[in-house]
Amino acid sequence: MKEPAVISVITQISDDSLAPLDAVAGDRLQLLVFGATSCGPCKAMAPVIEEIANVYAQDVAVAKIDIEQSPEIASAFQVRGVPTLLLRREQELDRQTVRSRETPELVLGVRVDQLPSGEVGPEPALVVPP
């Protein structure tokens, strides 16, 4: 039997509570994307975040958090710069990275075939083109 489709949605967090994300995430991996409206690298990363939300919707719940609108969440996760990406599983921090342009696999730190199993693999090495 086919599993029900998960609609790709990026949850916008505009206060100091992750309750809206927790409510829609279920047991999926959570990708918290901390940014700011004036952040150039955050805007450059937006297409990768959109791709993750669309392609991996069955396995990953994505939330964008503006650090100016949600300073308490940013402080709680010790966000020092943007963009900062956090992976959470069952409300526990799994991985944190500060990056600007990457592939979804590098952002998530997993291989696509590992997502449904719930296992996060080792973080891939960042390859910088010559």
C-alpha atoms as a PDB file:
ATOM      1  CA  MET A   1       0.000   0.000   0.000  1.00  0.00           C
ATOM      2  CA  LYS A   2       1.264   3.435  -0.908  1.00  0.00           C
ATOM      3  CA  GLU A   3       2.150   5.858   1.892  1.00  0.00           C
ATOM      4  CA  PRO A   4       0.191   9.130   1.990  1.00  0.00           C
ATOM      5  CA  ALA A   5       1.899  12.014   0.247  1.00  0.00           C
ATOM      6  CA  VAL A   6       3.495  14.668   2.417  1.00  0.00           C
ATOM      7  CA  ILE A   7       2.882  18.151   1.119  1.00  0.00           C
ATOM      8  CA  SER A   8       6.095  20.099   0.840  1.00  0.00           C
ATOM      9  CA  VAL A   9       5.874  23.045   3.184  1.00  0.00           C
ATOM     10  CA  ILE A  10       8.525  25.230   4.703  1.00  0.00           C
ATOM     11  CA  THR A  11       7.341  26.307   8.126  1.00  0.00           C
ATOM     12  CA  GLN A  12       8.072  29.967   8.818  1.00  0.00           C
ATOM     13  CA  ILE A  13       8.879  30.570  12.483  1.00  0.00           C
ATOM     14  CA  SER A  14       8.178  34.190  13.407  1.00  0.00           C
ATOM     15  CA  ASP A  15       8.165  34.006  17.180  1.00  0.00           C
ATOM     16  CA  ASP A  16      10.140  32.198  19.851  1.00  0.00           C
ATOM     17  CA  SER A  17       8.470  28.794  19.695  1.00  0.00           C
ATOM     18  CA  LEU A  18       9.221  25.718  17.605  1.00  0.00           C
ATOM     19  CA  ALA A  19       5.780  24.291  18.425  1.00  0.00           C
ATOM     20  CA  PRO A  20       4.459  24.881  14.859  1.00  0.00           C
ATOM     21  CA  LEU A  21       7.345  22.845  13.438  1.00  0.00           C
ATOM     22  CA  ASP A  22       7.055  20.118  16.057  1.00  0.00           C
ATOM     23  CA  ALA A  23       3.338  19.833  15.264  1.00  0.00           C
ATOM     24  CA  VAL A  24       3.883  19.203  11.529  1.00  0.00           C
ATOM     25  CA  ALA A  25       7.162  17.288  11.708  1.00  0.00           C
ATOM     26  CA  GLY A  26       5.975  14.128  13.409  1.00  0.00           C
ATOM     27  CA  ASP A  27       8.917  11.720  13.486  1.00  0.00           C
ATOM     28  CA  ARG A  28      10.647  13.302  10.484  1.00  0.00           C
ATOM     29  CA  LEU A  29      14.101  14.839  10.704  1.00  0.00           C
ATOM     30  CA  GLN A  30      13.841  18.613  11.259  1.00  0.00           C
ATOM     31  CA  LEU A  31      16.014  21.072   9.351  1.00  0.00           C
ATOM     32  CA  LEU A  32      16.130  24.468  11.072  1.00  0.00           C
ATOM     33  CA  VAL A  33      17.406  27.186   8.733  1.00  0.00           C
ATOM     34  CA  PHE A  34      18.477  30.295  10.639  1.00  0.00           C
ATOM     35  CA  GLY A  35      18.818  33.407   8.520  1.00  0.00           C
ATOM     36  CA  ALA A  36      18.055  37.105   8.237  1.00  0.00           C
ATOM     37  CA  THR A  37      16.311  39.184   5.615  1.00  0.00           C
ATOM     38  CA  SER A  38      19.482  41.150   4.873  1.00  0.00           C
ATOM     39  CA  CYS A  39      21.722  38.041   4.577  1.00  0.00           C
ATOM     40  CA  GLY A  40      23.079  37.532   1.047  1.00  0.00           C
ATOM     41  CA  PRO A  41      24.342  33.968   1.615  1.00  0.00           C
ATOM     42  CA  CYS A  42      20.935  33.066   3.092  1.00  0.00           C
ATOM     43  CA  LYS A  43      19.253  34.227  -0.117  1.00  0.00           C
ATOM     44  CA  ALA A  44      21.806  32.318  -2.199  1.00  0.00           C
ATOM     45  CA  MET A  45      21.050  29.157  -0.224  1.00  0.00           C
ATOM     46  CA  ALA A  46      17.271  29.469  -0.645  1.00  0.00           C
ATOM     47  CA  PRO A  47      17.059  27.252  -3.777  1.00  0.00           C
ATOM     48  CA  VAL A  48      18.831  24.386  -1.987  1.00  0.00           C
ATOM     49  CA  ILE A  49      16.482  24.719   0.988  1.00  0.00           C
ATOM     50  CA  GLU A  50      13.480  24.727  -1.377  1.00  0.00           C
ATOM     51  CA  GLU A  51      14.829  21.602  -3.068  1.00  0.00           C
ATOM     52  CA  ILE A  52      15.215  19.829   0.267  1.00  0.00           C
ATOM     53  CA  ALA A  53      11.653  20.793   1.240  1.00  0.00           C
ATOM     54  CA  ASN A  54      10.296  19.472  -2.058  1.00  0.00           C
ATOM     55  CA  VAL A  55      12.409  16.397  -2.748  1.00  0.00           C
ATOM     56  CA  TYR A  56      12.786  15.139   0.822  1.00  0.00           C
ATOM     57  CA  ALA A  57       9.355  16.158   2.168  1.00  0.00           C
ATOM     58  CA  GLN A  58       8.598  12.581   3.220  1.00  0.00           C
ATOM     59  CA  ASP A  59      11.667  12.497   5.477  1.00  0.00           C
ATOM     60  CA  VAL A  60      12.530  16.096   6.410  1.00  0.00           C
ATOM     61  CA  ALA A  61      10.452  18.938   7.888  1.00  0.00           C
ATOM     62  CA  VAL A  62      12.005  22.321   7.069  1.00  0.00           C
ATOM     63  CA  ALA A  63      11.637  25.534   9.071  1.00  0.00           C
ATOM     64  CA  LYS A  64      13.037  28.969   8.277  1.00  0.00           C
ATOM     65  CA  ILE A  65      13.787  31.057  11.344  1.00  0.00           C
ATOM     66  CA  ASP A  66      14.594  34.747  11.074  1.00  0.00           C
ATOM     67  CA  ILE A  67      17.023  35.505  13.902  1.00  0.00           C
ATOM     68  CA  GLU A  68      15.694  39.053  14.198  1.00  0.00           C
ATOM     69  CA  GLN A  69      12.113  37.842  14.713  1.00  0.00           C
ATOM     70  CA  SER A  70      13.048  34.848  16.869  1.00  0.00           C
ATOM     71  CA  PRO A  71      16.073  35.899  18.942  1.00  0.00           C
ATOM     72  CA  GLU A  72      15.307  33.524  21.824  1.00  0.00           C
ATOM     73  CA  ILE A  73      15.390  30.463  19.560  1.00  0.00           C
ATOM     74  CA  ALA A  74      18.629  31.662  17.966  1.00  0.00           C
ATOM     75  CA  SER A  75      20.137  32.186  21.407  1.00  0.00           C
ATOM     76  CA  ALA A  76      18.950  28.812  22.687  1.00  0.00           C
ATOM     77  CA  PHE A  77      20.749  27.089  19.790  1.00  0.00           C
ATOM     78  CA  GLN A  78      23.795  29.388  20.154  1.00  0.00           C
ATOM     79  CA  VAL A  79      23.484  30.707  16.606  1.00  0.00           C
ATOM     80  CA  ARG A  80      26.430  33.048  16.091  1.00  0.00           C
ATOM     81  CA  GLY A  81      26.121  33.749  12.361  1.00  0.00           C
ATOM     82  CA  VAL A  82      23.828  33.128   9.429  1.00  0.00           C
ATOM     83  CA  PRO A  83      23.073  31.055   7.581  1.00  0.00           C
ATOM     84  CA  THR A  84      23.181  28.380  10.266  1.00  0.00           C
ATOM     85  CA  LEU A  85      21.564  25.012   9.699  1.00  0.00           C
ATOM     86  CA  LEU A  86      20.555  22.674  12.489  1.00  0.00           C
ATOM     87  CA  LEU A  87      19.271  19.147  12.213  1.00  0.00           C
ATOM     88  CA  ARG A  88      16.969  17.925  14.964  1.00  0.00           C
ATOM     89  CA  ARG A  89      15.610  14.474  15.538  1.00  0.00           C
ATOM     90  CA  GLU A  90      12.891  14.027  18.151  1.00  0.00           C
ATOM     91  CA  GLN A  91      13.583  17.516  19.539  1.00  0.00           C
ATOM     92  CA  GLU A  92      17.278  16.733  20.079  1.00  0.00           C
ATOM     93  CA  LEU A  93      20.101  18.467  18.217  1.00  0.00           C
ATOM     94  CA  ASP A  94      21.655  16.088  15.700  1.00  0.00           C
ATOM     95  CA  ARG A  95      24.051  18.296  13.714  1.00  0.00           C
ATOM     96  CA  GLN A  96      24.880  21.975  13.222  1.00  0.00           C
ATOM     97  CA  THR A  97      26.624  23.586  10.291  1.00  0.00           C
ATOM     98  CA  VAL A  98      27.247  27.076   8.967  1.00  0.00           C
ATOM     99  CA  ARG A  99      27.379  27.018   5.209  1.00  0.00           C
ATOM    100  CA  SER A 100      26.193  28.991   2.264  1.00  0.00           C
ATOM    101  CA  ARG A 101      26.006  26.990  -0.991  1.00  0.00           C
ATOM    102  CA  GLU A 102      25.807  23.240  -1.109  1.00  0.00           C
ATOM    103  CA  THR A 103      23.862  20.278  -2.356  1.00  0.00           C
ATOM    104  CA  PRO A 104      20.958  18.943  -0.303  1.00  0.00           C
ATOM    105  CA  GLU A 105      23.001  15.875   0.618  1.00  0.00           C
ATOM    106  CA  LEU A 106      25.789  18.028   2.041  1.00  0.00           C
ATOM    107  CA  VAL A 107      23.330  20.214   3.901  1.00  0.00           C
ATOM    108  CA  LEU A 108      21.566  17.215   5.411  1.00  0.00           C
ATOM    109  CA  GLY A 109      24.754  15.221   5.936  1.00  0.00           C
ATOM    110  CA  VAL A 110      23.059  12.092   4.665  1.00  0.00           C
ATOM    111  CA  ARG A 111      22.827  10.007   1.553  1.00  0.00           C
ATOM    112  CA  VAL A 112      19.382   9.968  -0.017  1.00  0.00           C
ATOM    113  CA  ASP A 113      19.056   6.213   0.536  1.00  0.00           C
ATOM    114  CA  GLN A 114      19.633   6.680   4.280  1.00  0.00           C
ATOM    115  CA  LEU A 115      16.738   9.078   4.888  1.00  0.00           C
ATOM    116  CA  PRO A 116      13.842   6.598   5.067  1.00  0.00           C
ATOM    117  CA  SER A 117      15.741   4.371   7.501  1.00  0.00           C
ATOM    118  CA  GLY A 118      16.092   7.235   9.972  1.00  0.00           C
ATOM    119  CA  GLU A 119      19.865   6.815  10.127  1.00  0.00           C
ATOM    120  CA  VAL A 120      22.038   9.886   9.716  1.00  0.00           C
ATOM    121  CA  GLY A 121      25.370   9.011   8.230  1.00  0.00           C
ATOM    122  CA  PRO A 122      28.683  10.738   8.765  1.00  0.00           C
ATOM    123  CA  GLU A 123      28.845  14.271   7.483  1.00  0.00           C
ATOM    124  CA  PRO A 124      30.289  14.309   3.957  1.00  0.00           C
ATOM    125  CA  ALA A 125      33.487  16.223   3.331  1.00  0.00           C
ATOM    126  CA  LEU A 126      33.027  19.588   1.694  1.00  0.00           C
ATOM    127  CA  VAL A 127      34.552  19.546  -1.760  1.00  0.00           C
ATOM    128  CA  VAL A 128      35.709  22.932  -2.956  1.00  0.00           C
ATOM    129  CA  PRO A 129      35.973  23.209  -6.754  1.00  0.00           C
ATOM    130  CA  PRO A 130      39.377  24.311  -8.083  1.00  0.00           C
END
